[in-house]
Amino acid sequence: MRNYQFTAQIEKDKETGLYIGRVPNLPGAHSQGATLDELQDNLKEVVKLCIEELTAEELGEISEFIGFQQISVAV
């Protein structure tokens, strides 16, 4: 069994109060949860499912996620 590590982007929905997470470099990997712990569990499950659907070649083509950069703009 191989271990994979991904970075998730997490936001909090103002209307529902739910935490929403997505893994930018793994198409289809997104979920939500009422707590950060629940979100992490849900994201782990969806990442496993996404990985199971990929071929070995597709797994090797997953881009490396570098990070986020804040941009400041005066309007």
PDB file of N, CA and C in Angstrom:
ATOM      1  N   MET A   1       0.845  -1.177   0.000  1.00  0.00           N
ATOM      2  CA  MET A   1       0.000   0.000   0.000  1.00  0.00           C
ATOM      3  C   MET A   1       0.891   1.241   0.000  1.00  0.00           C
ATOM      4  N   ARG A   2       0.590   2.183  -0.886  1.00  0.00           N
ATOM      5  CA  ARG A   2       1.371   3.410  -0.997  1.00  0.00           C
ATOM      6  C   ARG A   2       0.671   4.538  -0.248  1.00  0.00           C
ATOM      7  N   ASN A   3       1.446   5.426   0.348  1.00  0.00           N
ATOM      8  CA  ASN A   3       0.899   6.558   1.078  1.00  0.00           C
ATOM      9  C   ASN A   3       0.993   7.816   0.213  1.00  0.00           C
ATOM     10  N   TYR A   4      -0.107   8.514   0.057  1.00  0.00           N
ATOM     11  CA  TYR A   4      -0.155   9.752  -0.712  1.00  0.00           C
ATOM     12  C   TYR A   4      -0.435  10.907   0.236  1.00  0.00           C
ATOM     13  N   GLN A   5       0.096  12.072  -0.090  1.00  0.00           N
ATOM     14  CA  GLN A   5      -0.159  13.258   0.724  1.00  0.00           C
ATOM     15  C   GLN A   5      -0.639  14.379  -0.188  1.00  0.00           C
ATOM     16  N   PHE A   6      -1.744  14.991   0.172  1.00  0.00           N
ATOM     17  CA  PHE A   6      -2.330  16.072  -0.602  1.00  0.00           C
ATOM     18  C   PHE A   6      -2.590  17.261   0.311  1.00  0.00           C
ATOM     19  N   THR A   7      -2.694  18.425  -0.295  1.00  0.00           N
ATOM     20  CA  THR A   7      -3.049  19.642   0.429  1.00  0.00           C
ATOM     21  C   THR A   7      -4.469  20.024   0.040  1.00  0.00           C
ATOM     22  N   ALA A   8      -5.289  20.342   1.031  1.00  0.00           N
ATOM     23  CA  ALA A   8      -6.681  20.713   0.782  1.00  0.00           C
ATOM     24  C   ALA A   8      -6.881  22.205   1.024  1.00  0.00           C
ATOM     25  N   GLN A   9      -7.715  22.798   0.195  1.00  0.00           N
ATOM     26  CA  GLN A   9      -8.156  24.178   0.387  1.00  0.00           C
ATOM     27  C   GLN A   9      -9.448  24.105   1.198  1.00  0.00           C
ATOM     28  N   ILE A  10      -9.519  24.868   2.285  1.00  0.00           N
ATOM     29  CA  ILE A  10     -10.681  24.809   3.158  1.00  0.00           C
ATOM     30  C   ILE A  10     -11.286  26.195   3.308  1.00  0.00           C
ATOM     31  N   GLU A  11     -12.598  26.264   3.161  1.00  0.00           N
ATOM     32  CA  GLU A  11     -13.356  27.497   3.341  1.00  0.00           C
ATOM     33  C   GLU A  11     -14.564  27.199   4.225  1.00  0.00           C
ATOM     34  N   LYS A  12     -15.143  28.240   4.779  1.00  0.00           N
ATOM     35  CA  LYS A  12     -16.363  28.069   5.568  1.00  0.00           C
ATOM     36  C   LYS A  12     -17.493  28.806   4.870  1.00  0.00           C
ATOM     37  N   ASP A  13     -18.563  28.089   4.571  1.00  0.00           N
ATOM     38  CA  ASP A  13     -19.713  28.669   3.897  1.00  0.00           C
ATOM     39  C   ASP A  13     -20.466  29.575   4.861  1.00  0.00           C
ATOM     40  N   LYS A  14     -20.640  30.822   4.492  1.00  0.00           N
ATOM     41  CA  LYS A  14     -21.306  31.787   5.373  1.00  0.00           C
ATOM     42  C   LYS A  14     -22.779  31.470   5.594  1.00  0.00           C
ATOM     43  N   GLU A  15     -23.424  30.888   4.606  1.00  0.00           N
ATOM     44  CA  GLU A  15     -24.852  30.597   4.719  1.00  0.00           C
ATOM     45  C   GLU A  15     -25.138  29.351   5.550  1.00  0.00           C
ATOM     46  N   THR A  16     -24.385  28.284   5.310  1.00  0.00           N
ATOM     47  CA  THR A  16     -24.666  27.014   5.977  1.00  0.00           C
ATOM     48  C   THR A  16     -23.792  26.776   7.211  1.00  0.00           C
ATOM     49  N   GLY A  17     -22.662  27.484   7.284  1.00  0.00           N
ATOM     50  CA  GLY A  17     -21.729  27.260   8.380  1.00  0.00           C
ATOM     51  C   GLY A  17     -20.885  26.008   8.211  1.00  0.00           C
ATOM     52  N   LEU A  18     -21.037  25.326   7.070  1.00  0.00           N
ATOM     53  CA  LEU A  18     -20.280  24.104   6.813  1.00  0.00           C
ATOM     54  C   LEU A  18     -18.870  24.441   6.317  1.00  0.00           C
ATOM     55  N   TYR A  19     -17.934  23.570   6.644  1.00  0.00           N
ATOM     56  CA  TYR A  19     -16.582  23.672   6.107  1.00  0.00           C
ATOM     57  C   TYR A  19     -16.568  22.947   4.770  1.00  0.00           C
ATOM     58  N   ILE A  20     -15.987  23.584   3.769  1.00  0.00           N
ATOM     59  CA  ILE A  20     -15.920  23.015   2.429  1.00  0.00           C
ATOM     60  C   ILE A  20     -14.458  22.851   2.065  1.00  0.00           C
ATOM     61  N   GLY A  21     -14.097  21.664   1.628  1.00  0.00           N
ATOM     62  CA  GLY A  21     -12.711  21.394   1.291  1.00  0.00           C
ATOM     63  C   GLY A  21     -12.590  20.809  -0.097  1.00  0.00           C
ATOM     64  N   ARG A  22     -11.488  21.158  -0.764  1.00  0.00           N
ATOM     65  CA  ARG A  22     -11.195  20.566  -2.062  1.00  0.00           C
ATOM     66  C   ARG A  22      -9.698  20.376  -2.186  1.00  0.00           C
ATOM     67  N   VAL A  23      -9.326  19.363  -2.930  1.00  0.00           N
ATOM     68  CA  VAL A  23      -7.918  19.077  -3.200  1.00  0.00           C
ATOM     69  C   VAL A  23      -7.659  19.567  -4.623  1.00  0.00           C
ATOM     70  N   PRO A  24      -6.979  20.716  -4.760  1.00  0.00           N
ATOM     71  CA  PRO A  24      -6.846  21.351  -6.069  1.00  0.00           C
ATOM     72  C   PRO A  24      -6.213  20.488  -7.161  1.00  0.00           C
ATOM     73  N   ASN A  25      -5.272  19.642  -6.826  1.00  0.00           N
ATOM     74  CA  ASN A  25      -4.588  18.884  -7.875  1.00  0.00           C
ATOM     75  C   ASN A  25      -5.124  17.459  -8.049  1.00  0.00           C
ATOM     76  N   LEU A  26      -6.292  17.184  -7.474  1.00  0.00           N
ATOM     77  CA  LEU A  26      -6.920  15.873  -7.654  1.00  0.00           C
ATOM     78  C   LEU A  26      -8.372  16.092  -8.097  1.00  0.00           C
ATOM     79  N   PRO A  27      -8.622  16.029  -9.402  1.00  0.00           N
ATOM     80  CA  PRO A  27      -9.974  16.302  -9.918  1.00  0.00           C
ATOM     81  C   PRO A  27     -11.043  15.470  -9.225  1.00  0.00           C
ATOM     82  N   GLY A  28     -12.111  16.142  -8.825  1.00  0.00           N
ATOM     83  CA  GLY A  28     -13.242  15.473  -8.191  1.00  0.00           C
ATOM     84  C   GLY A  28     -13.134  15.332  -6.687  1.00  0.00           C
ATOM     85  N   ALA A  29     -11.997  15.708  -6.118  1.00  0.00           N
ATOM     86  CA  ALA A  29     -11.796  15.539  -4.672  1.00  0.00           C
ATOM     87  C   ALA A  29     -12.263  16.788  -3.933  1.00  0.00           C
ATOM     88  N   HIS A  30     -13.501  16.730  -3.478  1.00  0.00           N
ATOM     89  CA  HIS A  30     -14.065  17.816  -2.683  1.00  0.00           C
ATOM     90  C   HIS A  30     -15.138  17.240  -1.764  1.00  0.00           C
ATOM     91  N   SER A  31     -15.347  17.903  -0.632  1.00  0.00           N
ATOM     92  CA  SER A  31     -16.344  17.435   0.325  1.00  0.00           C
ATOM     93  C   SER A  31     -16.695  18.566   1.278  1.00  0.00           C
ATOM     94  N   GLN A  32     -17.531  18.254   2.250  1.00  0.00           N
ATOM     95  CA  GLN A  32     -17.913  19.233   3.263  1.00  0.00           C
ATOM     96  C   GLN A  32     -18.114  18.534   4.594  1.00  0.00           C
ATOM     97  N   GLY A  33     -18.150  19.320   5.658  1.00  0.00           N
ATOM     98  CA  GLY A  33     -18.367  18.758   6.980  1.00  0.00           C
ATOM     99  C   GLY A  33     -18.780  19.845   7.959  1.00  0.00           C
ATOM    100  N   ALA A  34     -19.477  19.452   9.003  1.00  0.00           N
ATOM    101  CA  ALA A  34     -19.928  20.402  10.021  1.00  0.00           C
ATOM    102  C   ALA A  34     -18.776  20.865  10.907  1.00  0.00           C
ATOM    103  N   THR A  35     -17.745  20.026  11.033  1.00  0.00           N
ATOM    104  CA  THR A  35     -16.559  20.369  11.824  1.00  0.00           C
ATOM    105  C   THR A  35     -15.323  20.102  10.964  1.00  0.00           C
ATOM    106  N   LEU A  36     -14.197  20.647  11.387  1.00  0.00           N
ATOM    107  CA  LEU A  36     -12.961  20.390  10.653  1.00  0.00           C
ATOM    108  C   LEU A  36     -12.577  18.915  10.699  1.00  0.00           C
ATOM    109  N   ASP A  37     -12.828  18.265  11.827  1.00  0.00           N
ATOM    110  CA  ASP A  37     -12.540  16.829  11.928  1.00  0.00           C
ATOM    111  C   ASP A  37     -13.406  16.020  10.968  1.00  0.00           C
ATOM    112  N   GLU A  38     -14.689  16.360  10.903  1.00  0.00           N
ATOM    113  CA  GLU A  38     -15.592  15.667   9.983  1.00  0.00           C
ATOM    114  C   GLU A  38     -15.165  15.916   8.535  1.00  0.00           C
ATOM    115  N   LEU A  39     -14.793  17.156   8.235  1.00  0.00           N
ATOM    116  CA  LEU A  39     -14.331  17.471   6.884  1.00  0.00           C
ATOM    117  C   LEU A  39     -13.096  16.652   6.532  1.00  0.00           C
ATOM    118  N   GLN A  40     -12.146  16.549   7.444  1.00  0.00           N
ATOM    119  CA  GLN A  40     -10.930  15.788   7.175  1.00  0.00           C
ATOM    120  C   GLN A  40     -11.265  14.315   6.902  1.00  0.00           C
ATOM    121  N   ASP A  41     -12.139  13.741   7.712  1.00  0.00           N
ATOM    122  CA  ASP A  41     -12.548  12.348   7.480  1.00  0.00           C
ATOM    123  C   ASP A  41     -13.198  12.197   6.107  1.00  0.00           C
ATOM    124  N   ASN A  42     -14.082  13.144   5.765  1.00  0.00           N
ATOM    125  CA  ASN A  42     -14.779  13.087   4.481  1.00  0.00           C
ATOM    126  C   ASN A  42     -13.804  13.253   3.312  1.00  0.00           C
ATOM    127  N   LEU A  43     -12.840  14.170   3.465  1.00  0.00           N
ATOM    128  CA  LEU A  43     -11.858  14.364   2.405  1.00  0.00           C
ATOM    129  C   LEU A  43     -10.975  13.138   2.221  1.00  0.00           C
ATOM    130  N   LYS A  44     -10.587  12.503   3.312  1.00  0.00           N
ATOM    131  CA  LYS A  44      -9.781  11.287   3.206  1.00  0.00           C
ATOM    132  C   LYS A  44     -10.531  10.222   2.410  1.00  0.00           C
ATOM    133  N   GLU A  45     -11.803  10.081   2.690  1.00  0.00           N
ATOM    134  CA  GLU A  45     -12.609   9.073   1.996  1.00  0.00           C
ATOM    135  C   GLU A  45     -12.716   9.394   0.505  1.00  0.00           C
ATOM    136  N   VAL A  46     -12.994  10.655   0.171  1.00  0.00           N
ATOM    137  CA  VAL A  46     -13.150  11.009  -1.239  1.00  0.00           C
ATOM    138  C   VAL A  46     -11.817  10.927  -1.981  1.00  0.00           C
ATOM    139  N   VAL A  47     -10.716  11.249  -1.326  1.00  0.00           N
ATOM    140  CA  VAL A  47      -9.403  11.125  -1.957  1.00  0.00           C
ATOM    141  C   VAL A  47      -9.120   9.653  -2.262  1.00  0.00           C
ATOM    142  N   LYS A  48      -9.424   8.775  -1.324  1.00  0.00           N
ATOM    143  CA  LYS A  48      -9.238   7.336  -1.573  1.00  0.00           C
ATOM    144  C   LYS A  48     -10.046   6.882  -2.783  1.00  0.00           C
ATOM    145  N   LEU A  49     -11.294   7.329  -2.847  1.00  0.00           N
ATOM    146  CA  LEU A  49     -12.150   6.947  -3.971  1.00  0.00           C
ATOM    147  C   LEU A  49     -11.613   7.490  -5.292  1.00  0.00           C
ATOM    148  N   CYS A  50     -11.145   8.737  -5.287  1.00  0.00           N
ATOM    149  CA  CYS A  50     -10.587   9.329  -6.514  1.00  0.00           C
ATOM    150  C   CYS A  50      -9.336   8.580  -6.961  1.00  0.00           C
ATOM    151  N   ILE A  51      -8.473   8.242  -6.015  1.00  0.00           N
ATOM    152  CA  ILE A  51      -7.240   7.523  -6.354  1.00  0.00           C
ATOM    153  C   ILE A  51      -7.560   6.143  -6.925  1.00  0.00           C
ATOM    154  N   GLU A  52      -8.546   5.467  -6.361  1.00  0.00           N
ATOM    155  CA  GLU A  52      -8.926   4.134  -6.848  1.00  0.00           C
ATOM    156  C   GLU A  52      -9.390   4.171  -8.296  1.00  0.00           C
ATOM    157  N   GLU A  53      -9.923   5.311  -8.741  1.00  0.00           N
ATOM    158  CA  GLU A  53     -10.434   5.431 -10.105  1.00  0.00           C
ATOM    159  C   GLU A  53      -9.347   5.762 -11.120  1.00  0.00           C
ATOM    160  N   LEU A  54      -8.165   6.159 -10.658  1.00  0.00           N
ATOM    161  CA  LEU A  54      -7.084   6.550 -11.562  1.00  0.00           C
ATOM    162  C   LEU A  54      -6.220   5.344 -11.943  1.00  0.00           C
ATOM    163  N   THR A  55      -5.715   5.374 -13.148  1.00  0.00           N
ATOM    164  CA  THR A  55      -4.751   4.357 -13.563  1.00  0.00           C
ATOM    165  C   THR A  55      -3.383   4.725 -12.988  1.00  0.00           C
ATOM    166  N   ALA A  56      -2.448   3.811 -13.045  1.00  0.00           N
ATOM    167  CA  ALA A  56      -1.095   4.084 -12.560  1.00  0.00           C
ATOM    168  C   ALA A  56      -0.482   5.250 -13.322  1.00  0.00           C
ATOM    169  N   GLU A  57      -0.738   5.305 -14.617  1.00  0.00           N
ATOM    170  CA  GLU A  57      -0.219   6.408 -15.435  1.00  0.00           C
ATOM    171  C   GLU A  57      -0.810   7.741 -14.993  1.00  0.00           C
ATOM    172  N   GLU A  58      -2.112   7.771 -14.750  1.00  0.00           N
ATOM    173  CA  GLU A  58      -2.771   9.009 -14.301  1.00  0.00           C
ATOM    174  C   GLU A  58      -2.257   9.443 -12.935  1.00  0.00           C
ATOM    175  N   LEU A  59      -2.011   8.478 -12.057  1.00  0.00           N
ATOM    176  CA  LEU A  59      -1.463   8.807 -10.742  1.00  0.00           C
ATOM    177  C   LEU A  59      -0.100   9.474 -10.872  1.00  0.00           C
ATOM    178  N   GLY A  60       0.690   9.009 -11.816  1.00  0.00           N
ATOM    179  CA  GLY A  60       2.012   9.578 -12.027  1.00  0.00           C
ATOM    180  C   GLY A  60       1.976  10.964 -12.637  1.00  0.00           C
ATOM    181  N   GLU A  61       0.842  11.342 -13.207  1.00  0.00           N
ATOM    182  CA  GLU A  61       0.705  12.640 -13.858  1.00  0.00           C
ATOM    183  C   GLU A  61       0.099  13.710 -12.952  1.00  0.00           C
ATOM    184  N   ILE A  62      -0.240  13.367 -11.707  1.00  0.00           N
ATOM    185  CA  ILE A  62      -0.821  14.352 -10.799  1.00  0.00           C
ATOM    186  C   ILE A  62       0.212  15.438 -10.536  1.00  0.00           C
ATOM    187  N   SER A  63      -0.191  16.665 -10.757  1.00  0.00           N
ATOM    188  CA  SER A  63       0.739  17.775 -10.567  1.00  0.00           C
ATOM    189  C   SER A  63       1.012  18.008  -9.083  1.00  0.00           C
ATOM    190  N   GLU A  64       2.156  18.586  -8.811  1.00  0.00           N
ATOM    191  CA  GLU A  64       2.529  18.911  -7.432  1.00  0.00           C
ATOM    192  C   GLU A  64       1.872  20.219  -7.042  1.00  0.00           C
ATOM    193  N   PHE A  65       1.126  20.208  -5.952  1.00  0.00           N
ATOM    194  CA  PHE A  65       0.490  21.428  -5.471  1.00  0.00           C
ATOM    195  C   PHE A  65       1.528  22.242  -4.711  1.00  0.00           C
ATOM    196  N   ILE A  66       1.695  23.487  -5.086  1.00  0.00           N
ATOM    197  CA  ILE A  66       2.703  24.345  -4.474  1.00  0.00           C
ATOM    198  C   ILE A  66       2.123  25.170  -3.335  1.00  0.00           C
ATOM    199  N   GLY A  67       1.005  25.798  -3.522  1.00  0.00           N
ATOM    200  CA  GLY A  67       0.415  26.584  -2.446  1.00  0.00           C
ATOM    201  C   GLY A  67      -0.461  27.695  -2.966  1.00  0.00           C
ATOM    202  N   PHE A  68      -0.845  28.553  -2.070  1.00  0.00           N
ATOM    203  CA  PHE A  68      -1.678  29.699  -2.403  1.00  0.00           C
ATOM    204  C   PHE A  68      -0.851  30.970  -2.271  1.00  0.00           C
ATOM    205  N   GLN A  69      -1.230  31.973  -3.018  1.00  0.00           N
ATOM    206  CA  GLN A  69      -0.533  33.251  -2.944  1.00  0.00           C
ATOM    207  C   GLN A  69      -1.583  34.341  -2.829  1.00  0.00           C
ATOM    208  N   GLN A  70      -1.408  35.229  -1.859  1.00  0.00           N
ATOM    209  CA  GLN A  70      -2.345  36.338  -1.705  1.00  0.00           C
ATOM    210  C   GLN A  70      -1.961  37.452  -2.662  1.00  0.00           C
ATOM    211  N   ILE A  71      -2.978  38.023  -3.286  1.00  0.00           N
ATOM    212  CA  ILE A  71      -2.793  39.120  -4.241  1.00  0.00           C
ATOM    213  C   ILE A  71      -3.533  40.335  -3.702  1.00  0.00           C
ATOM    214  N   SER A  72      -2.858  41.452  -3.608  1.00  0.00           N
ATOM    215  CA  SER A  72      -3.469  42.691  -3.136  1.00  0.00           C
ATOM    216  C   SER A  72      -3.645  43.644  -4.308  1.00  0.00           C
ATOM    217  N   VAL A  73      -4.871  44.136  -4.494  1.00  0.00           N
ATOM    218  CA  VAL A  73      -5.172  45.010  -5.611  1.00  0.00           C
ATOM    219  C   VAL A  73      -5.965  46.209  -5.111  1.00  0.00           C
ATOM    220  N   ALA A  74      -5.539  47.386  -5.477  1.00  0.00           N
ATOM    221  CA  ALA A  74      -6.286  48.592  -5.132  1.00  0.00           C
ATOM    222  C   ALA A  74      -7.224  48.913  -6.291  1.00  0.00           C
ATOM    223  N   VAL A  75      -8.514  49.088  -5.977  1.00  0.00           N
ATOM    224  CA  VAL A  75      -9.510  49.368  -7.024  1.00  0.00           C
ATOM    225  C   VAL A  75     -10.204  50.668  -6.707  1.00  0.00           C
TER     226      VAL A  75
END
